[in-house]
Structures are given as structure tokens and as C-alpha cells.
Amino acid sequence: MTACSSTGGKPDSSGGGMNAGSADTPRFTVAMVTHGPPGDTFWDLIRKGAETAAAKDNIDLKYSSELEAPNQANLIQNALDSDVDAVAVTLAKPEALAPNVKKATDAGIPVVAFNAGIDAWKAMGAKSFFGQDEQVSGEAAGKRLQEEGAKKVVCVIQDQGNVALESRCAGVKAGMAGGVVENLNVNGTDMPSVQSTIAAKLQEDPSIDHIITLGAPIALTAVKSADNAGSDAKIATFDTNAALVTAIEDGSVQWAVDQQPFLQGYLAVDSLWLYLNNRNVIGGGLPTLTGPAFIDKSNIDAIADYAKKGTR
């Protein structure tokens, strides 16, 4: 997989999105800086939402992404050096990003946070946060696993140290209330390694009856791991993509926790447009939640077409 960072010029469109007309407000430049790894379909949905809002709002969107926190911090600095009007940023590893976020706010550049950093955004001076409460969503997933009879669960973390992912697994453990939940760290940018690591864990411990992953591509890989290991462990996940719709339909993945990534990207850009043009601030000092909700066989038909179009 190749890197997806872009630090200058108009980025290539990720395709899809929705046409909602176009504002006649002044042209502003917004930098969106994420920790999305290359090739991850979740971040394609984030970007499509952002591009849809930018097209509607007459915004010049500069999207860039780096998984490693120091590199993401450098992208924020690059955005500031290019005199952007506003910044939307994910705060998966807040400590590394805080100094450059402060540079933006000290310079009077509005910042909103989204997707990751629900416990850090306000202290860092961001005006709003758009995403889900990862602890709450994890607890909901853990309770569902318990209700479905799970006794021993492996929670697969594809980016070690990511505060949002760590919170999800902590929430799963709390929600299980007595069940066994063990974290398994994998390298989410190396799918063959992910597949072999999960398979090895299942072979090592046949008592594992459920795997919960924290991203749709990891879930689809875990299905292959279970097959290779001869394991009957059931797979559940956070987040969706078009391929996961089919997996839920055919039962190879039980369900997904949806946080609406398209909406996160859309709201992050649209909120900055509102602030730049009318000094509106969304949320009143509280996070604006985009999830969680469960997607399973009972409701997959309601979003299947949207997922296949690349907006859910």
C-alpha cells in the first residue's frame, strides 16, 4: 500500500459523496489532518463527507493524513505555514499534536476535532468535537457480546497507543461485566501480518469464542484468520464499509458498531464554514455524537445501498 499524504494543492477526489448545491460565501481554505492509515476504507468515508461539505460550502479542502503522530503533527505545521483559514484534526494521540494545535489557536485559526480525542479536544482549544464516545460505544458492544453468550473475547487493536481504540477495548471489557476480554495488538497497515497474528492467537487458545475488531478491514481479515485456524469464534466489529455489508448479510460477521464516518467528515468541514462565515459554534461546549448504533441482519438493508455507493 502506498502513502496517502497530501500537503499541497487540491487533493484528488475520493469519489462518491452527494451533491447539495453550492454556497455563494467567500472562498476559504480548510486543512483536514487525520491519522488515517493508507488504504483504509473508513478514512475514504471520512474524506468523502469532508469533500461533500467542501463542495457545498465553497471551501478549498486540503486533506492530508499520517498514521504516526509526529508526522501528523508536522502536517498541522505544514497547514499553518500555508496560511489555511481553519483546521479540522483527529486527536488519536493528543500529546504529540497539542503544541501545533496550540499554535493554530494562538494565531486565531479556528480548530475543530473529530473522530478521536473526545477527552482532549476542549482542553486543546478546539471549538467542537464530532464523533462517538468510544468508552460508551465499547460498553454497548461488550453488553451485546455478553447477551449473545460470549465468554472469552479478543479485542484487536490495529494502532497501538491510539486513545480511541484503547478506549473501545476498555469499554468492551467493562460492558462484558465478568467475561474475559484480552487485547491483541496488530499492525493494521500489514494485513498478512494481521491475518497470521489473529490466526496464531486462535490456535494458541481454542477457548476464544468471539473476536471484536475495531475496523471493517480488520474484521474481514479476522474472518480469514478464523477459517485458517479452524476456529468457530464469531466476529463482530466497529465500523463498516461496502464489503462488510456482504459479510453481515452472509453471517460471516455478526454485527458492526456504526459511528457514521461520512457524517464526521461532513460536520467537521461544515461547522468550520459556519464559524468562518457567521461565528457559529456547534455543540455548546459538548461533543456532537455521531454514534454508536448497531448494524446487523435486522437493519442492514436500510443502509446497504448507501454503503455500496461509498457514503456509509
Protein backbone atom coordinates (compact mmCIF):
# COMPACT_ATOMS: atom_id res chain seq x y z
CA MET A 1 0.00 0.00 0.00
CA THR A 2 1.19 3.47 -0.76
CA ALA A 3 1.09 6.55 1.43
CA CYS A 4 -1.89 8.87 1.09
CA SER A 5 -0.43 12.09 2.44
CA SER A 6 -1.04 15.28 0.50
CA THR A 7 0.30 18.55 1.76
CA GLY A 8 -0.33 20.94 -1.08
CA GLY A 9 -2.61 21.64 -3.99
CA LYS A 10 -6.11 20.34 -4.47
CA PRO A 11 -6.25 16.65 -3.48
CA ASP A 12 -7.69 14.06 -5.80
CA SER A 13 -11.33 13.43 -5.01
CA SER A 14 -12.08 10.12 -3.35
CA GLY A 15 -15.24 9.89 -5.48
CA GLY A 16 -18.84 9.48 -4.42
CA GLY A 17 -20.43 11.90 -2.00
CA MET A 18 -23.65 13.81 -2.52
CA ASN A 19 -24.47 16.95 -4.46
CA ALA A 20 -26.10 19.53 -2.19
CA GLY A 21 -25.72 22.71 -4.25
CA SER A 22 -23.10 25.37 -3.64
CA ALA A 23 -22.84 28.36 -1.30
CA ASP A 24 -22.01 31.84 -2.58
CA THR A 25 -19.99 32.70 0.54
CA PRO A 26 -16.31 33.73 0.29
CA ARG A 27 -13.77 31.08 -0.64
CA PHE A 28 -11.91 29.75 2.42
CA THR A 29 -9.20 27.11 2.77
CA VAL A 30 -9.63 24.36 5.35
CA ALA A 31 -6.97 21.80 6.22
CA MET A 32 -8.17 18.38 7.32
CA VAL A 33 -5.39 16.42 9.02
CA THR A 34 -6.13 12.84 10.03
CA HIS A 35 -4.31 9.80 11.38
CA GLY A 36 -5.91 7.53 8.78
CA PRO A 37 -3.60 4.78 7.51
CA PRO A 38 -3.23 4.31 3.75
CA GLY A 39 -5.79 2.10 2.07
CA ASP A 40 -8.29 2.07 4.95
CA THR A 41 -11.85 2.35 3.63
CA PHE A 42 -13.06 4.00 6.84
CA TRP A 43 -10.99 7.07 6.03
CA ASP A 44 -12.31 7.13 2.48
CA LEU A 45 -15.74 7.71 4.05
CA ILE A 46 -14.39 10.49 6.28
CA ARG A 47 -12.85 12.18 3.26
CA LYS A 48 -15.97 11.82 1.12
CA GLY A 49 -18.01 13.51 3.80
CA ALA A 50 -15.49 16.33 4.04
CA GLU A 51 -15.36 16.75 0.26
CA THR A 52 -19.15 16.83 0.05
CA ALA A 53 -19.34 19.63 2.60
CA ALA A 54 -16.46 21.49 0.97
CA ALA A 55 -18.14 21.39 -2.44
CA LYS A 56 -21.37 22.73 -0.95
CA ASP A 57 -19.66 25.40 1.14
CA ASN A 58 -17.23 26.82 -1.44
CA ILE A 59 -14.31 25.52 0.66
CA ASP A 60 -10.88 24.65 -0.72
CA LEU A 61 -10.19 21.45 1.22
CA LYS A 62 -6.59 20.39 1.83
CA TYR A 63 -6.70 16.79 3.07
CA SER A 64 -3.60 15.10 4.47
CA SER A 65 -3.01 12.02 6.56
CA GLU A 66 -0.24 10.32 8.52
CA LEU A 67 -0.66 7.40 10.90
CA GLU A 68 2.37 8.21 13.05
CA ALA A 69 1.65 11.06 15.47
CA PRO A 70 4.88 13.06 14.92
CA ASN A 71 4.24 13.03 11.18
CA GLN A 72 0.63 14.09 11.71
CA ALA A 73 1.89 16.96 13.87
CA ASN A 74 4.17 18.01 11.01
CA LEU A 75 1.17 18.07 8.68
CA ILE A 76 -0.57 20.50 11.01
CA GLN A 77 2.52 22.71 10.90
CA ASN A 78 2.58 22.48 7.11
CA ALA A 79 -1.05 23.60 7.02
CA LEU A 80 -0.31 26.58 9.25
CA ASP A 81 2.68 27.50 7.08
CA SER A 82 0.40 27.56 4.03
CA ASP A 83 -1.94 30.10 5.70
CA VAL A 84 -5.08 28.00 5.88
CA ASP A 85 -8.18 29.63 7.32
CA ALA A 86 -9.20 26.74 9.58
CA VAL A 87 -8.14 23.24 10.65
CA ALA A 88 -10.08 20.01 11.27
CA VAL A 89 -8.00 17.38 13.03
CA THR A 90 -8.23 13.93 14.58
CA LEU A 91 -6.63 13.60 18.01
CA ALA A 92 -5.74 9.93 18.28
CA LYS A 93 -2.52 10.77 20.16
CA PRO A 94 -3.25 14.20 21.66
CA GLU A 95 0.04 14.81 23.45
CA ALA A 96 2.01 14.76 20.21
CA LEU A 97 -0.40 17.13 18.45
CA ALA A 98 -1.10 19.61 21.26
CA PRO A 99 1.80 22.02 20.58
CA ASN A 100 0.86 22.57 16.92
CA VAL A 101 -2.85 22.74 17.68
CA LYS A 102 -1.99 25.47 20.20
CA LYS A 103 -0.03 27.32 17.52
CA ALA A 104 -3.19 27.39 15.43
CA THR A 105 -5.49 28.58 18.19
CA ASP A 106 -2.94 31.17 19.41
CA ALA A 107 -2.89 32.54 15.85
CA GLY A 108 -6.67 32.85 15.85
CA ILE A 109 -7.15 29.95 13.41
CA PRO A 110 -10.32 28.02 14.33
CA VAL A 111 -9.82 24.31 15.00
CA VAL A 112 -12.39 21.55 15.32
CA ALA A 113 -11.64 17.97 16.31
CA PHE A 114 -13.37 14.85 15.11
CA ASN A 115 -13.28 11.05 15.30
CA ALA A 116 -10.66 10.77 18.06
CA GLY A 117 -9.87 12.87 21.11
CA ILE A 118 -13.21 13.24 22.87
CA ASP A 119 -11.40 13.66 26.20
CA ALA A 120 -8.79 16.09 24.87
CA TRP A 121 -10.35 18.46 22.33
CA LYS A 122 -11.75 21.05 24.72
CA ALA A 123 -8.53 21.47 26.72
CA MET A 124 -6.63 21.86 23.45
CA GLY A 125 -8.78 24.81 22.39
CA ALA A 126 -10.85 23.17 19.65
CA LYS A 127 -14.26 24.71 19.18
CA SER A 128 -16.22 21.49 18.62
CA PHE A 129 -15.89 17.73 18.50
CA PHE A 130 -17.73 15.35 16.17
CA GLY A 131 -17.63 11.61 16.77
CA GLN A 132 -18.68 8.92 19.20
CA ASP A 133 -17.79 8.39 22.84
CA GLU A 134 -15.51 5.38 22.46
CA GLN A 135 -15.90 4.18 26.04
CA VAL A 136 -19.70 4.29 25.73
CA SER A 137 -19.67 2.55 22.36
CA GLY A 138 -17.30 -0.10 23.68
CA GLU A 139 -19.54 -0.75 26.67
CA ALA A 140 -22.53 -1.15 24.36
CA ALA A 141 -20.59 -3.67 22.29
CA GLY A 142 -19.45 -5.52 25.41
CA LYS A 143 -23.01 -5.77 26.74
CA ARG A 144 -24.19 -7.15 23.43
CA LEU A 145 -21.40 -9.73 23.39
CA GLN A 146 -22.36 -10.81 26.89
CA GLU A 147 -26.04 -11.07 25.92
CA GLU A 148 -25.03 -13.27 22.98
CA GLY A 149 -23.19 -15.65 25.27
CA ALA A 150 -19.58 -14.58 24.79
CA LYS A 151 -17.23 -15.91 27.46
CA LYS A 152 -13.78 -15.11 26.11
CA VAL A 153 -13.22 -12.23 23.69
CA VAL A 154 -10.17 -10.94 21.88
CA CYS A 155 -10.27 -7.21 21.12
CA VAL A 156 -7.96 -6.47 18.18
CA ILE A 157 -6.20 -3.08 18.24
CA GLN A 158 -4.69 -2.14 14.88
CA ASP A 159 -2.86 1.03 16.06
CA GLN A 160 -1.24 0.60 19.46
CA GLY A 161 -1.43 3.74 21.62
CA ASN A 162 -4.41 5.23 19.76
CA VAL A 163 -6.55 6.61 22.59
CA ALA A 164 -9.82 5.99 20.76
CA LEU A 165 -9.05 2.33 20.07
CA GLU A 166 -7.75 1.71 23.57
CA SER A 167 -10.98 3.24 24.95
CA ARG A 168 -13.10 0.96 22.77
CA CYS A 169 -11.46 -2.17 24.12
CA ALA A 170 -11.66 -0.84 27.69
CA GLY A 171 -15.35 -0.24 27.12
CA VAL A 172 -15.84 -3.77 25.76
CA LYS A 173 -14.22 -5.16 28.91
CA ALA A 174 -16.44 -3.02 31.15
CA GLY A 175 -19.56 -3.98 29.21
CA MET A 176 -18.78 -7.69 29.43
CA ALA A 177 -19.02 -7.43 33.24
CA GLY A 178 -17.19 -10.56 34.28
CA GLY A 179 -16.37 -12.03 30.90
CA VAL A 180 -12.76 -12.29 29.78
CA VAL A 181 -11.54 -9.68 27.30
CA GLU A 182 -7.94 -9.75 26.10
CA ASN A 183 -6.40 -7.10 23.87
CA LEU A 184 -4.36 -8.16 20.85
CA ASN A 185 -2.17 -5.56 19.15
CA VAL A 186 -1.59 -5.92 15.42
CA ASN A 187 -0.08 -3.79 12.66
CA GLY A 188 -3.13 -2.53 10.80
CA THR A 189 -1.05 -1.45 7.80
CA ASP A 190 0.11 -5.02 7.14
CA MET A 191 -2.90 -7.25 6.53
CA PRO A 192 -0.97 -10.53 6.01
CA SER A 193 0.59 -9.93 9.43
CA VAL A 194 -2.82 -9.14 10.93
CA GLN A 195 -4.24 -12.36 9.50
CA SER A 196 -1.40 -14.54 10.79
CA THR A 197 -1.32 -12.87 14.22
CA ILE A 198 -5.04 -13.41 14.82
CA ALA A 199 -4.87 -16.98 13.49
CA ALA A 200 -1.95 -17.76 15.80
CA LYS A 201 -3.87 -16.40 18.78
CA LEU A 202 -6.89 -18.57 17.94
CA GLN A 203 -4.73 -21.66 17.55
CA GLU A 204 -2.97 -20.92 20.83
CA ASP A 205 -6.26 -20.54 22.74
CA PRO A 206 -9.22 -22.56 21.41
CA SER A 207 -11.42 -21.22 24.24
CA ILE A 208 -11.74 -17.84 22.45
CA ASP A 209 -15.34 -17.70 21.28
CA HIS A 210 -15.57 -14.14 19.95
CA ILE A 211 -13.28 -11.66 18.21
CA ILE A 212 -14.16 -7.98 18.12
CA THR A 213 -12.20 -5.80 15.74
CA LEU A 214 -12.05 -2.02 15.58
CA GLY A 215 -12.32 -1.54 11.83
CA ALA A 216 -14.09 -3.21 8.91
CA PRO A 217 -10.93 -4.28 7.01
CA ILE A 218 -9.60 -5.92 10.19
CA ALA A 219 -12.92 -7.74 10.66
CA LEU A 220 -12.83 -9.15 7.14
CA THR A 221 -9.25 -10.29 7.73
CA ALA A 222 -10.27 -11.87 11.05
CA VAL A 223 -12.84 -13.97 9.18
CA LYS A 224 -9.99 -15.44 7.13
CA SER A 225 -7.93 -15.94 10.29
CA ALA A 226 -10.69 -17.93 11.97
CA ASP A 227 -11.09 -20.09 8.87
CA ASN A 228 -7.35 -20.75 8.67
CA ALA A 229 -7.18 -21.59 12.38
CA GLY A 230 -10.18 -23.91 12.25
CA SER A 231 -11.84 -21.75 14.90
CA ASP A 232 -15.57 -21.31 15.49
CA ALA A 233 -15.03 -17.88 17.05
CA LYS A 234 -17.64 -15.36 15.93
CA ILE A 235 -16.58 -12.00 14.53
CA ALA A 236 -18.05 -8.59 15.41
CA THR A 237 -16.60 -5.18 14.65
CA PHE A 238 -16.70 -1.45 14.88
CA ASP A 239 -17.22 0.48 11.62
CA THR A 240 -18.43 -0.52 8.20
CA ASN A 241 -17.62 -0.48 4.52
CA ALA A 242 -19.21 -1.90 1.38
CA ALA A 243 -17.54 -5.30 1.74
CA LEU A 244 -18.66 -5.58 5.36
CA VAL A 245 -22.29 -5.23 4.26
CA THR A 246 -21.95 -8.52 2.38
CA ALA A 247 -20.23 -10.12 5.38
CA ILE A 248 -23.11 -9.15 7.67
CA GLU A 249 -25.63 -10.34 5.09
CA ASP A 250 -23.98 -13.76 4.80
CA GLY A 251 -23.34 -14.08 8.54
CA SER A 252 -19.55 -14.21 8.49
CA VAL A 253 -19.59 -11.03 10.59
CA GLN A 254 -22.32 -10.82 13.22
CA TRP A 255 -22.73 -7.06 13.53
CA ALA A 256 -20.97 -3.71 13.41
CA VAL A 257 -20.97 -0.61 15.61
CA ASP A 258 -21.51 2.37 13.30
CA GLN A 259 -20.16 5.85 14.11
CA GLN A 260 -21.08 7.38 10.72
CA PRO A 261 -17.64 8.44 9.42
CA PHE A 262 -19.09 10.25 6.39
CA LEU A 263 -21.05 12.42 8.81
CA GLN A 264 -17.97 13.12 10.92
CA GLY A 265 -16.04 14.44 7.93
CA TYR A 266 -19.04 16.41 6.71
CA LEU A 267 -19.78 18.06 10.05
CA ALA A 268 -16.13 18.95 10.68
CA VAL A 269 -15.92 20.97 7.46
CA ASP A 270 -19.46 22.33 7.57
CA SER A 271 -19.00 23.58 11.15
CA LEU A 272 -15.89 25.50 10.14
CA TRP A 273 -17.78 27.07 7.24
CA LEU A 274 -20.45 28.20 9.70
CA TYR A 275 -17.83 29.63 12.03
CA LEU A 276 -15.86 31.40 9.32
CA ASN A 277 -18.97 32.98 7.84
CA ASN A 278 -21.21 33.52 10.85
CA ARG A 279 -19.17 32.70 14.01
CA ASN A 280 -21.49 29.80 14.79
CA VAL A 281 -20.18 27.10 17.13
CA ILE A 282 -21.85 23.69 17.24
CA GLY A 283 -22.23 21.67 20.44
CA GLY A 284 -22.32 24.30 23.15
CA GLY A 285 -19.07 23.04 24.64
CA LEU A 286 -20.15 19.41 24.48
CA PRO A 287 -19.23 16.79 21.87
CA THR A 288 -21.64 16.25 19.00
CA LEU A 289 -22.15 12.48 18.89
CA THR A 290 -22.43 10.61 15.59
CA GLY A 291 -22.80 7.16 17.18
CA PRO A 292 -22.88 4.45 18.27
CA ALA A 293 -25.57 2.41 16.53
CA PHE A 294 -25.64 -1.30 15.72
CA ILE A 295 -25.87 -2.63 12.19
CA ASP A 296 -26.85 -6.28 11.83
CA LYS A 297 -29.04 -8.53 9.70
CA SER A 298 -32.17 -6.85 11.04
CA ASN A 299 -31.36 -3.44 9.54
CA ILE A 300 -28.55 -3.95 7.03
CA ASP A 301 -30.93 -3.49 4.10
CA ALA A 302 -31.63 0.11 5.18
CA ILE A 303 -28.03 1.21 4.55
CA ALA A 304 -26.71 -1.41 2.12
CA ASP A 305 -27.19 0.73 -1.00
CA TYR A 306 -25.55 3.74 0.65
CA ALA A 307 -22.59 1.61 1.76
CA LYS A 308 -22.12 0.27 -1.75
CA LYS A 309 -22.16 3.86 -3.05
CA GLY A 310 -19.39 4.67 -0.58
CA THR A 311 -21.17 7.03 1.80
CA ARG A 312 -21.93 4.65 4.72
